[in-house]
Amino acid sequence: MEEHKMGKLIIISGPSGAGKGTICAELMRLMPDLVLSCSVTTRSPRPNERKDRSYFFVSEETFLEMVRKNELLEYDQHFENYYGTPKKFVVDMLNYGKDVILEIDVKGALQVKLNYPDSILFFIEAPSEQALYERLIKRGSESEEKIKIRMARNKLELAQRDKYDYCIMNDDLDRAVAEIIDILKERRK
């Protein structure tokens, strides 16, 4: 009987505006065997986000109940909202042999790495602080005050990048995605 191979966790994180979501979408398009985990959050949906596709949008009460029941792989509160990764889906996919992408914040990525040491962590960087700021403005989903809060958090997240397996500069989307794909293919050998 053939031995069942466990899937790997592929974690994509980095500052707000670095392009994590865009990179994940490209990875899913180019590597359809990957599975993208959908996070749960207490924040309101942005105009381009679809319920249960971009995030599972829940009340704070529901989120805290998930924490109490140990239903989250990782979670954190920032920007006045909770964010987390539902555990059951991820564990089921890994057990099925699927590689799962988590697009999560730096603190969550480091929490997951503790419990899943063979996770592959990618830190996505923008070419400059100005580029991050411009990308956040271009989103058009947050006030200037919230953008300033995100920019302050970005400095804290950048200070953690040495804890990642790979740092990917997202100054050219196609090159950044190709670099991640090359690394994943090499790691699968």
N, C-alpha and C. Protein backbone atom coordinates (compact mmCIF):
# COMPACT_ATOMS: atom_id res chain seq x y z
N MET A 1 0.84 -1.19 0.00
CA MET A 1 0.00 0.00 0.00
C MET A 1 0.89 1.25 0.00
N GLU A 2 0.52 2.23 -0.82
CA GLU A 2 1.30 3.46 -0.94
C GLU A 2 1.14 4.31 0.32
N GLU A 3 2.27 4.86 0.81
CA GLU A 3 2.24 5.69 2.00
C GLU A 3 1.63 7.05 1.65
N HIS A 4 0.77 7.54 2.53
CA HIS A 4 0.10 8.82 2.31
C HIS A 4 1.04 9.96 2.71
N LYS A 5 1.23 10.91 1.83
CA LYS A 5 2.12 12.04 2.08
C LYS A 5 1.32 13.22 2.64
N MET A 6 1.81 13.76 3.76
CA MET A 6 1.18 14.94 4.36
C MET A 6 1.43 16.17 3.49
N GLY A 7 0.44 17.03 3.43
CA GLY A 7 0.62 18.29 2.73
C GLY A 7 1.47 19.25 3.54
N LYS A 8 1.86 20.34 2.92
CA LYS A 8 2.67 21.37 3.57
C LYS A 8 1.87 22.65 3.72
N LEU A 9 2.18 23.39 4.76
CA LEU A 9 1.63 24.72 4.93
C LEU A 9 2.56 25.73 4.27
N ILE A 10 2.00 26.54 3.41
CA ILE A 10 2.74 27.60 2.73
C ILE A 10 2.16 28.91 3.27
N ILE A 11 2.97 29.65 3.98
CA ILE A 11 2.47 30.86 4.64
C ILE A 11 3.00 32.09 3.93
N ILE A 12 2.06 32.94 3.54
CA ILE A 12 2.38 34.19 2.85
C ILE A 12 2.00 35.32 3.81
N SER A 13 2.97 36.13 4.20
CA SER A 13 2.64 37.27 5.05
C SER A 13 3.59 38.42 4.77
N GLY A 14 3.31 39.53 5.40
CA GLY A 14 4.10 40.74 5.21
C GLY A 14 3.20 41.94 5.46
N PRO A 15 3.73 43.13 5.26
CA PRO A 15 2.98 44.35 5.56
C PRO A 15 1.74 44.53 4.71
N SER A 16 0.79 45.31 5.24
CA SER A 16 -0.39 45.71 4.47
C SER A 16 0.07 46.46 3.23
N GLY A 17 -0.45 46.04 2.09
CA GLY A 17 -0.09 46.70 0.84
C GLY A 17 1.07 46.07 0.10
N ALA A 18 1.66 45.01 0.66
CA ALA A 18 2.81 44.37 0.02
C ALA A 18 2.39 43.55 -1.21
N GLY A 19 1.11 43.20 -1.30
CA GLY A 19 0.63 42.44 -2.44
C GLY A 19 0.40 40.97 -2.16
N LYS A 20 0.19 40.63 -0.89
CA LYS A 20 0.00 39.22 -0.51
C LYS A 20 -1.20 38.60 -1.22
N GLY A 21 -2.33 39.30 -1.23
CA GLY A 21 -3.54 38.76 -1.86
C GLY A 21 -3.37 38.54 -3.35
N THR A 22 -2.73 39.48 -4.00
CA THR A 22 -2.50 39.37 -5.44
C THR A 22 -1.57 38.19 -5.74
N ILE A 23 -0.53 38.04 -4.94
CA ILE A 23 0.40 36.92 -5.11
C ILE A 23 -0.32 35.59 -4.89
N CYS A 24 -1.13 35.51 -3.84
CA CYS A 24 -1.87 34.26 -3.58
C CYS A 24 -2.80 33.92 -4.74
N ALA A 25 -3.48 34.93 -5.28
CA ALA A 25 -4.38 34.70 -6.42
C ALA A 25 -3.60 34.14 -7.62
N GLU A 26 -2.43 34.68 -7.87
CA GLU A 26 -1.60 34.20 -8.98
C GLU A 26 -1.09 32.78 -8.73
N LEU A 27 -0.68 32.51 -7.49
CA LEU A 27 -0.23 31.16 -7.16
C LEU A 27 -1.35 30.15 -7.38
N MET A 28 -2.56 30.50 -6.97
CA MET A 28 -3.70 29.61 -7.16
C MET A 28 -4.00 29.40 -8.64
N ARG A 29 -3.84 30.45 -9.43
CA ARG A 29 -4.10 30.35 -10.87
C ARG A 29 -3.06 29.47 -11.55
N LEU A 30 -1.81 29.62 -11.15
CA LEU A 30 -0.70 28.91 -11.82
C LEU A 30 -0.41 27.54 -11.23
N MET A 31 -0.85 27.30 -9.99
CA MET A 31 -0.64 26.01 -9.34
C MET A 31 -1.97 25.53 -8.77
N PRO A 32 -2.86 25.05 -9.63
CA PRO A 32 -4.22 24.70 -9.19
C PRO A 32 -4.30 23.56 -8.17
N ASP A 33 -3.17 22.86 -7.93
CA ASP A 33 -3.17 21.80 -6.92
C ASP A 33 -3.06 22.36 -5.50
N LEU A 34 -2.76 23.65 -5.37
CA LEU A 34 -2.70 24.28 -4.05
C LEU A 34 -4.12 24.57 -3.56
N VAL A 35 -4.27 24.64 -2.24
CA VAL A 35 -5.56 24.98 -1.62
C VAL A 35 -5.34 26.25 -0.81
N LEU A 36 -6.23 27.21 -0.97
CA LEU A 36 -6.14 28.46 -0.22
C LEU A 36 -7.08 28.40 0.97
N SER A 37 -6.55 28.62 2.16
CA SER A 37 -7.38 28.65 3.36
C SER A 37 -8.04 30.02 3.46
N CYS A 38 -9.28 30.03 3.82
CA CYS A 38 -10.03 31.27 4.00
C CYS A 38 -10.01 31.64 5.48
N SER A 39 -9.56 32.84 5.79
CA SER A 39 -9.49 33.30 7.17
C SER A 39 -10.86 33.77 7.65
N VAL A 40 -10.98 33.86 8.96
CA VAL A 40 -12.19 34.38 9.59
C VAL A 40 -11.84 35.74 10.20
N THR A 41 -12.77 36.71 10.11
CA THR A 41 -12.50 38.03 10.66
C THR A 41 -13.79 38.67 11.18
N THR A 42 -13.59 39.62 12.07
CA THR A 42 -14.73 40.38 12.60
C THR A 42 -14.88 41.72 11.89
N ARG A 43 -14.00 42.03 10.93
CA ARG A 43 -14.13 43.31 10.23
C ARG A 43 -15.20 43.23 9.15
N SER A 44 -15.60 44.39 8.66
CA SER A 44 -16.59 44.45 7.59
C SER A 44 -15.93 44.15 6.25
N PRO A 45 -16.67 43.58 5.31
CA PRO A 45 -16.10 43.30 3.99
C PRO A 45 -15.75 44.59 3.24
N ARG A 46 -14.67 44.55 2.48
CA ARG A 46 -14.33 45.64 1.57
C ARG A 46 -15.20 45.47 0.32
N PRO A 47 -15.32 46.53 -0.48
CA PRO A 47 -16.22 46.46 -1.64
C PRO A 47 -15.95 45.28 -2.60
N ASN A 48 -14.70 44.90 -2.79
CA ASN A 48 -14.38 43.84 -3.75
C ASN A 48 -14.37 42.44 -3.13
N GLU A 49 -14.67 42.31 -1.85
CA GLU A 49 -14.60 41.02 -1.17
C GLU A 49 -15.94 40.32 -1.15
N ARG A 50 -15.88 38.99 -1.32
CA ARG A 50 -17.09 38.18 -1.31
C ARG A 50 -17.13 37.33 -0.04
N LYS A 51 -18.31 37.30 0.57
CA LYS A 51 -18.52 36.53 1.80
C LYS A 51 -18.17 35.06 1.56
N ASP A 52 -17.45 34.48 2.51
CA ASP A 52 -17.05 33.07 2.49
C ASP A 52 -16.11 32.74 1.33
N ARG A 53 -15.57 33.74 0.70
CA ARG A 53 -14.59 33.52 -0.37
C ARG A 53 -13.30 34.25 0.00
N SER A 54 -13.43 35.55 0.28
CA SER A 54 -12.29 36.35 0.71
C SER A 54 -12.01 36.07 2.19
N TYR A 55 -13.06 36.10 2.97
CA TYR A 55 -13.01 35.84 4.41
C TYR A 55 -14.35 35.25 4.83
N PHE A 56 -14.34 34.60 6.00
CA PHE A 56 -15.59 34.29 6.68
C PHE A 56 -15.80 35.48 7.61
N PHE A 57 -16.82 36.28 7.36
CA PHE A 57 -17.09 37.46 8.18
C PHE A 57 -18.05 37.05 9.29
N VAL A 58 -17.58 37.21 10.56
CA VAL A 58 -18.38 36.79 11.71
C VAL A 58 -18.43 37.90 12.74
N SER A 59 -19.34 37.74 13.70
CA SER A 59 -19.42 38.70 14.80
C SER A 59 -18.27 38.44 15.77
N GLU A 60 -17.99 39.42 16.60
CA GLU A 60 -16.95 39.25 17.61
C GLU A 60 -17.33 38.11 18.57
N GLU A 61 -18.61 38.01 18.89
CA GLU A 61 -19.08 36.94 19.78
C GLU A 61 -18.79 35.56 19.17
N THR A 62 -19.09 35.39 17.89
CA THR A 62 -18.83 34.12 17.22
C THR A 62 -17.33 33.83 17.18
N PHE A 63 -16.53 34.85 16.90
CA PHE A 63 -15.07 34.67 16.84
C PHE A 63 -14.54 34.20 18.19
N LEU A 64 -14.94 34.88 19.25
CA LEU A 64 -14.45 34.53 20.58
C LEU A 64 -14.91 33.14 21.01
N GLU A 65 -16.05 32.72 20.52
CA GLU A 65 -16.52 31.35 20.78
C GLU A 65 -15.61 30.34 20.07
N MET A 66 -15.17 30.68 18.84
CA MET A 66 -14.23 29.82 18.11
C MET A 66 -12.91 29.70 18.87
N VAL A 67 -12.45 30.81 19.44
CA VAL A 67 -11.22 30.79 20.24
C VAL A 67 -11.41 29.88 21.45
N ARG A 68 -12.52 30.06 22.14
CA ARG A 68 -12.80 29.27 23.34
C ARG A 68 -12.84 27.77 23.03
N LYS A 69 -13.37 27.41 21.87
CA LYS A 69 -13.49 26.00 21.48
C LYS A 69 -12.23 25.46 20.80
N ASN A 70 -11.16 26.29 20.74
CA ASN A 70 -9.89 25.89 20.12
C ASN A 70 -10.08 25.50 18.64
N GLU A 71 -10.89 26.26 17.93
CA GLU A 71 -11.19 25.98 16.53
C GLU A 71 -10.29 26.75 15.56
N LEU A 72 -9.33 27.51 16.09
CA LEU A 72 -8.46 28.32 15.23
C LEU A 72 -7.01 27.85 15.31
N LEU A 73 -6.37 27.79 14.16
CA LEU A 73 -4.96 27.43 14.07
C LEU A 73 -4.10 28.55 14.66
N GLU A 74 -4.52 29.77 14.41
CA GLU A 74 -3.87 30.97 14.92
C GLU A 74 -4.91 32.08 14.90
N TYR A 75 -4.68 33.11 15.72
CA TYR A 75 -5.55 34.28 15.68
C TYR A 75 -4.84 35.45 16.33
N ASP A 76 -5.35 36.63 16.03
CA ASP A 76 -4.80 37.85 16.59
C ASP A 76 -5.85 38.95 16.47
N GLN A 77 -5.64 39.99 17.24
CA GLN A 77 -6.49 41.17 17.12
C GLN A 77 -5.59 42.32 16.70
N HIS A 78 -5.94 42.95 15.61
CA HIS A 78 -5.26 44.18 15.20
C HIS A 78 -6.19 45.02 14.35
N PHE A 79 -5.90 46.28 14.26
CA PHE A 79 -6.75 47.24 13.56
C PHE A 79 -8.19 47.15 14.07
N GLU A 80 -8.34 46.92 15.38
CA GLU A 80 -9.64 46.89 16.07
C GLU A 80 -10.51 45.70 15.68
N ASN A 81 -9.95 44.71 15.00
CA ASN A 81 -10.72 43.53 14.60
C ASN A 81 -9.92 42.27 14.89
N TYR A 82 -10.63 41.15 14.95
CA TYR A 82 -9.99 39.85 15.12
C TYR A 82 -9.83 39.19 13.75
N TYR A 83 -8.73 38.43 13.62
CA TYR A 83 -8.45 37.65 12.42
C TYR A 83 -7.95 36.28 12.87
N GLY A 84 -8.31 35.24 12.14
CA GLY A 84 -7.83 33.91 12.50
C GLY A 84 -7.98 32.92 11.37
N THR A 85 -7.38 31.74 11.56
CA THR A 85 -7.42 30.67 10.56
C THR A 85 -8.17 29.48 11.13
N PRO A 86 -9.32 29.12 10.51
CA PRO A 86 -10.05 27.94 10.99
C PRO A 86 -9.18 26.68 10.88
N LYS A 87 -9.10 25.94 11.98
CA LYS A 87 -8.18 24.80 12.07
C LYS A 87 -8.65 23.58 11.29
N LYS A 88 -9.90 23.20 11.39
CA LYS A 88 -10.38 21.93 10.82
C LYS A 88 -10.11 21.82 9.32
N PHE A 89 -10.45 22.85 8.57
CA PHE A 89 -10.26 22.81 7.13
C PHE A 89 -8.79 22.58 6.78
N VAL A 90 -7.90 23.35 7.42
CA VAL A 90 -6.47 23.25 7.13
C VAL A 90 -5.95 21.86 7.47
N VAL A 91 -6.26 21.37 8.65
CA VAL A 91 -5.78 20.05 9.08
C VAL A 91 -6.31 18.95 8.15
N ASP A 92 -7.60 19.04 7.78
CA ASP A 92 -8.17 18.05 6.85
C ASP A 92 -7.43 18.05 5.52
N MET A 93 -7.16 19.22 4.97
CA MET A 93 -6.46 19.32 3.68
C MET A 93 -5.03 18.77 3.78
N LEU A 94 -4.32 19.12 4.86
CA LEU A 94 -2.96 18.60 5.06
C LEU A 94 -2.98 17.08 5.15
N ASN A 95 -3.92 16.53 5.90
CA ASN A 95 -4.03 15.08 6.05
C ASN A 95 -4.37 14.40 4.73
N TYR A 96 -5.07 15.12 3.86
CA TYR A 96 -5.44 14.61 2.55
C TYR A 96 -4.25 14.69 1.58
N GLY A 97 -3.17 15.34 2.02
CA GLY A 97 -1.97 15.45 1.19
C GLY A 97 -1.88 16.73 0.38
N LYS A 98 -2.75 17.67 0.65
CA LYS A 98 -2.77 18.93 -0.09
C LYS A 98 -1.85 19.97 0.56
N ASP A 99 -1.18 20.75 -0.27
CA ASP A 99 -0.43 21.90 0.22
C ASP A 99 -1.41 23.07 0.37
N VAL A 100 -1.38 23.72 1.53
CA VAL A 100 -2.36 24.76 1.86
C VAL A 100 -1.65 26.10 2.02
N ILE A 101 -2.17 27.11 1.33
CA ILE A 101 -1.65 28.48 1.46
C ILE A 101 -2.45 29.20 2.55
N LEU A 102 -1.72 29.82 3.48
CA LEU A 102 -2.32 30.70 4.47
C LEU A 102 -1.81 32.10 4.19
N GLU A 103 -2.71 33.03 3.95
CA GLU A 103 -2.34 34.44 3.83
C GLU A 103 -2.68 35.08 5.16
N ILE A 104 -1.66 35.21 6.02
CA ILE A 104 -1.90 35.67 7.39
C ILE A 104 -0.85 36.68 7.81
N ASP A 105 -1.12 37.35 8.91
CA ASP A 105 -0.18 38.36 9.41
C ASP A 105 1.05 37.70 10.02
N VAL A 106 2.04 38.51 10.30
CA VAL A 106 3.34 38.02 10.79
C VAL A 106 3.20 37.28 12.11
N LYS A 107 2.44 37.84 13.05
CA LYS A 107 2.29 37.18 14.35
C LYS A 107 1.66 35.80 14.18
N GLY A 108 0.63 35.70 13.35
CA GLY A 108 -0.03 34.42 13.08
C GLY A 108 0.91 33.43 12.41
N ALA A 109 1.71 33.92 11.48
CA ALA A 109 2.66 33.05 10.77
C ALA A 109 3.64 32.42 11.75
N LEU A 110 4.13 33.22 12.68
CA LEU A 110 5.10 32.70 13.64
C LEU A 110 4.44 31.74 14.64
N GLN A 111 3.15 31.97 14.96
CA GLN A 111 2.40 31.03 15.80
C GLN A 111 2.29 29.68 15.11
N VAL A 112 1.92 29.71 13.82
CA VAL A 112 1.74 28.47 13.06
C VAL A 112 3.07 27.73 12.94
N LYS A 113 4.16 28.45 12.70
CA LYS A 113 5.48 27.82 12.54
C LYS A 113 5.87 27.04 13.80
N LEU A 114 5.47 27.54 14.98
CA LEU A 114 5.76 26.82 16.22
C LEU A 114 5.09 25.45 16.25
N ASN A 115 3.85 25.39 15.78
CA ASN A 115 3.08 24.14 15.79
C ASN A 115 3.31 23.26 14.56
N TYR A 116 3.72 23.88 13.47
CA TYR A 116 4.01 23.17 12.22
C TYR A 116 5.38 23.60 11.73
N PRO A 117 6.45 23.07 12.34
CA PRO A 117 7.80 23.56 12.03
C PRO A 117 8.23 23.37 10.56
N ASP A 118 7.57 22.45 9.84
CA ASP A 118 7.95 22.27 8.44
C ASP A 118 7.17 23.20 7.50
N SER A 119 6.41 24.14 8.07
CA SER A 119 5.74 25.16 7.25
C SER A 119 6.79 25.95 6.48
N ILE A 120 6.41 26.43 5.31
CA ILE A 120 7.31 27.26 4.50
C ILE A 120 6.80 28.69 4.59
N LEU A 121 7.62 29.58 5.18
CA LEU A 121 7.21 30.96 5.40
C LEU A 121 7.82 31.90 4.36
N PHE A 122 6.93 32.63 3.68
CA PHE A 122 7.35 33.65 2.71
C PHE A 122 6.95 35.02 3.24
N PHE A 123 7.93 35.91 3.34
CA PHE A 123 7.67 37.29 3.74
C PHE A 123 7.67 38.13 2.47
N ILE A 124 6.55 38.78 2.18
CA ILE A 124 6.41 39.59 0.97
C ILE A 124 6.74 41.04 1.32
N GLU A 125 7.66 41.61 0.55
CA GLU A 125 8.07 42.99 0.77
C GLU A 125 7.70 43.85 -0.43
N ALA A 126 7.35 45.10 -0.16
CA ALA A 126 7.17 46.09 -1.23
C ALA A 126 8.50 46.79 -1.43
N PRO A 127 8.69 47.42 -2.59
CA PRO A 127 9.99 48.07 -2.87
C PRO A 127 10.35 49.19 -1.91
N SER A 128 9.33 49.83 -1.30
CA SER A 128 9.62 50.94 -0.39
C SER A 128 8.41 51.22 0.49
N GLU A 129 8.63 52.01 1.53
CA GLU A 129 7.55 52.43 2.40
C GLU A 129 6.55 53.28 1.61
N GLN A 130 7.07 54.10 0.70
CA GLN A 130 6.20 54.93 -0.14
C GLN A 130 5.30 54.07 -1.02
N ALA A 131 5.85 52.98 -1.57
CA ALA A 131 5.05 52.07 -2.40
C ALA A 131 3.92 51.44 -1.57
N LEU A 132 4.23 51.04 -0.33
CA LEU A 132 3.19 50.50 0.55
C LEU A 132 2.09 51.52 0.77
N TYR A 133 2.49 52.74 1.08
CA TYR A 133 1.52 53.81 1.33
C TYR A 133 0.63 54.03 0.11
N GLU A 134 1.24 54.12 -1.07
CA GLU A 134 0.48 54.34 -2.30
C GLU A 134 -0.49 53.19 -2.59
N ARG A 135 -0.07 51.96 -2.32
CA ARG A 135 -0.95 50.81 -2.54
C ARG A 135 -2.14 50.85 -1.60
N LEU A 136 -1.92 51.25 -0.35
CA LEU A 136 -3.02 51.36 0.61
C LEU A 136 -4.00 52.46 0.21
N ILE A 137 -3.48 53.58 -0.28
CA ILE A 137 -4.33 54.68 -0.75
C ILE A 137 -5.16 54.20 -1.95
N LYS A 138 -4.51 53.49 -2.87
CA LYS A 138 -5.16 53.02 -4.09
C LYS A 138 -6.31 52.05 -3.79
N ARG A 139 -6.20 51.28 -2.70
CA ARG A 139 -7.29 50.38 -2.30
C ARG A 139 -8.60 51.13 -2.11
N GLY A 140 -8.48 52.34 -1.54
CA GLY A 140 -9.65 53.17 -1.31
C GLY A 140 -10.62 52.62 -0.27
N SER A 141 -10.14 51.75 0.60
CA SER A 141 -11.05 51.11 1.55
C SER A 141 -10.88 51.60 2.98
N GLU A 142 -9.90 52.48 3.21
CA GLU A 142 -9.65 52.90 4.58
C GLU A 142 -9.37 54.39 4.67
N SER A 143 -9.66 54.93 5.85
CA SER A 143 -9.41 56.35 6.11
C SER A 143 -7.91 56.59 6.22
N GLU A 144 -7.54 57.85 6.13
CA GLU A 144 -6.13 58.24 6.29
C GLU A 144 -5.61 57.81 7.67
N GLU A 145 -6.47 57.93 8.68
CA GLU A 145 -6.08 57.53 10.04
C GLU A 145 -5.76 56.03 10.10
N LYS A 146 -6.61 55.21 9.50
CA LYS A 146 -6.38 53.76 9.51
C LYS A 146 -5.14 53.39 8.69
N ILE A 147 -4.91 54.12 7.62
CA ILE A 147 -3.71 53.88 6.82
C ILE A 147 -2.46 54.17 7.65
N LYS A 148 -2.49 55.24 8.44
CA LYS A 148 -1.35 55.57 9.31
C LYS A 148 -1.10 54.47 10.33
N ILE A 149 -2.18 53.90 10.87
CA ILE A 149 -2.05 52.79 11.84
C ILE A 149 -1.42 51.58 11.15
N ARG A 150 -1.86 51.28 9.93
CA ARG A 150 -1.29 50.15 9.18
C ARG A 150 0.20 50.40 8.88
N MET A 151 0.53 51.62 8.52
CA MET A 151 1.93 51.94 8.21
C MET A 151 2.81 51.77 9.46
N ALA A 152 2.30 52.15 10.62
CA ALA A 152 3.06 51.97 11.86
C ALA A 152 3.27 50.49 12.15
N ARG A 153 2.25 49.68 11.92
CA ARG A 153 2.36 48.23 12.14
C ARG A 153 3.35 47.61 11.15
N ASN A 154 3.41 48.16 9.94
CA ASN A 154 4.32 47.63 8.92
C ASN A 154 5.77 47.60 9.42
N LYS A 155 6.16 48.63 10.16
CA LYS A 155 7.53 48.67 10.69
C LYS A 155 7.79 47.49 11.64
N LEU A 156 6.79 47.18 12.48
CA LEU A 156 6.92 46.04 13.40
C LEU A 156 7.02 44.73 12.63
N GLU A 157 6.22 44.61 11.57
CA GLU A 157 6.24 43.38 10.78
C GLU A 157 7.56 43.22 10.02
N LEU A 158 8.06 44.31 9.47
CA LEU A 158 9.34 44.26 8.75
C LEU A 158 10.48 43.80 9.67
N ALA A 159 10.39 44.15 10.93
CA ALA A 159 11.42 43.76 11.89
C ALA A 159 11.43 42.24 12.13
N GLN A 160 10.39 41.53 11.72
CA GLN A 160 10.30 40.08 11.92
C GLN A 160 10.73 39.26 10.69
N ARG A 161 11.07 39.92 9.60
CA ARG A 161 11.31 39.19 8.34
C ARG A 161 12.47 38.21 8.41
N ASP A 162 13.41 38.41 9.33
CA ASP A 162 14.54 37.47 9.44
C ASP A 162 14.11 36.12 10.02
N LYS A 163 12.88 36.03 10.52
CA LYS A 163 12.36 34.77 11.06
C LYS A 163 11.70 33.91 9.98
N TYR A 164 11.68 34.41 8.76
CA TYR A 164 11.04 33.73 7.63
C TYR A 164 12.05 32.91 6.85
N ASP A 165 11.53 31.88 6.17
CA ASP A 165 12.40 31.06 5.32
C ASP A 165 12.85 31.82 4.08
N TYR A 166 11.94 32.64 3.53
CA TYR A 166 12.24 33.38 2.30
C TYR A 166 11.63 34.76 2.36
N CYS A 167 12.39 35.75 1.88
CA CYS A 167 11.88 37.11 1.70
C CYS A 167 11.77 37.36 0.20
N ILE A 168 10.59 37.75 -0.24
CA ILE A 168 10.33 37.95 -1.66
C ILE A 168 9.99 39.42 -1.88
N MET A 169 10.76 40.07 -2.74
CA MET A 169 10.50 41.47 -3.07
C MET A 169 9.42 41.52 -4.15
N ASN A 170 8.32 42.18 -3.86
CA ASN A 170 7.23 42.29 -4.83
C ASN A 170 7.30 43.63 -5.55
N ASP A 171 8.38 43.80 -6.32
CA ASP A 171 8.51 45.00 -7.16
C ASP A 171 8.07 44.68 -8.59
N ASP A 172 7.98 43.39 -8.90
CA ASP A 172 7.49 42.91 -10.19
C ASP A 172 6.69 41.64 -9.90
N LEU A 173 5.38 41.71 -10.07
CA LEU A 173 4.50 40.61 -9.67
C LEU A 173 4.89 39.29 -10.33
N ASP A 174 5.09 39.28 -11.64
CA ASP A 174 5.40 38.03 -12.35
C ASP A 174 6.69 37.40 -11.83
N ARG A 175 7.71 38.23 -11.58
CA ARG A 175 8.97 37.71 -11.08
C ARG A 175 8.81 37.17 -9.66
N ALA A 176 8.09 37.91 -8.81
CA ALA A 176 7.88 37.47 -7.42
C ALA A 176 7.15 36.14 -7.37
N VAL A 177 6.10 36.00 -8.16
CA VAL A 177 5.33 34.75 -8.20
C VAL A 177 6.20 33.61 -8.74
N ALA A 178 6.94 33.88 -9.81
CA ALA A 178 7.82 32.84 -10.38
C ALA A 178 8.85 32.38 -9.36
N GLU A 179 9.37 33.31 -8.57
CA GLU A 179 10.36 32.97 -7.54
C GLU A 179 9.75 32.03 -6.49
N ILE A 180 8.53 32.32 -6.06
CA ILE A 180 7.85 31.46 -5.08
C ILE A 180 7.59 30.09 -5.69
N ILE A 181 7.10 30.05 -6.91
CA ILE A 181 6.82 28.77 -7.57
C ILE A 181 8.08 27.93 -7.69
N ASP A 182 9.19 28.55 -8.08
CA ASP A 182 10.47 27.82 -8.18
C ASP A 182 10.85 27.21 -6.84
N ILE A 183 10.71 27.99 -5.77
CA ILE A 183 11.04 27.50 -4.43
C ILE A 183 10.14 26.33 -4.05
N LEU A 184 8.84 26.46 -4.30
CA LEU A 184 7.89 25.39 -3.96
C LEU A 184 8.20 24.12 -4.74
N LYS A 185 8.49 24.26 -6.02
CA LYS A 185 8.80 23.08 -6.84
C LYS A 185 10.08 22.41 -6.33
N GLU A 186 11.07 23.19 -5.96
CA GLU A 186 12.32 22.63 -5.43
C GLU A 186 12.06 21.92 -4.10
N ARG A 187 11.23 22.49 -3.24
CA ARG A 187 10.94 21.90 -1.94
C ARG A 187 10.13 20.61 -2.05
N ARG A 188 9.40 20.45 -3.16
CA ARG A 188 8.58 19.24 -3.36
C ARG A 188 9.41 18.06 -3.84
N LYS A 189 10.63 18.30 -4.31
CA LYS A 189 11.47 17.20 -4.84
C LYS A 189 11.86 16.23 -3.76
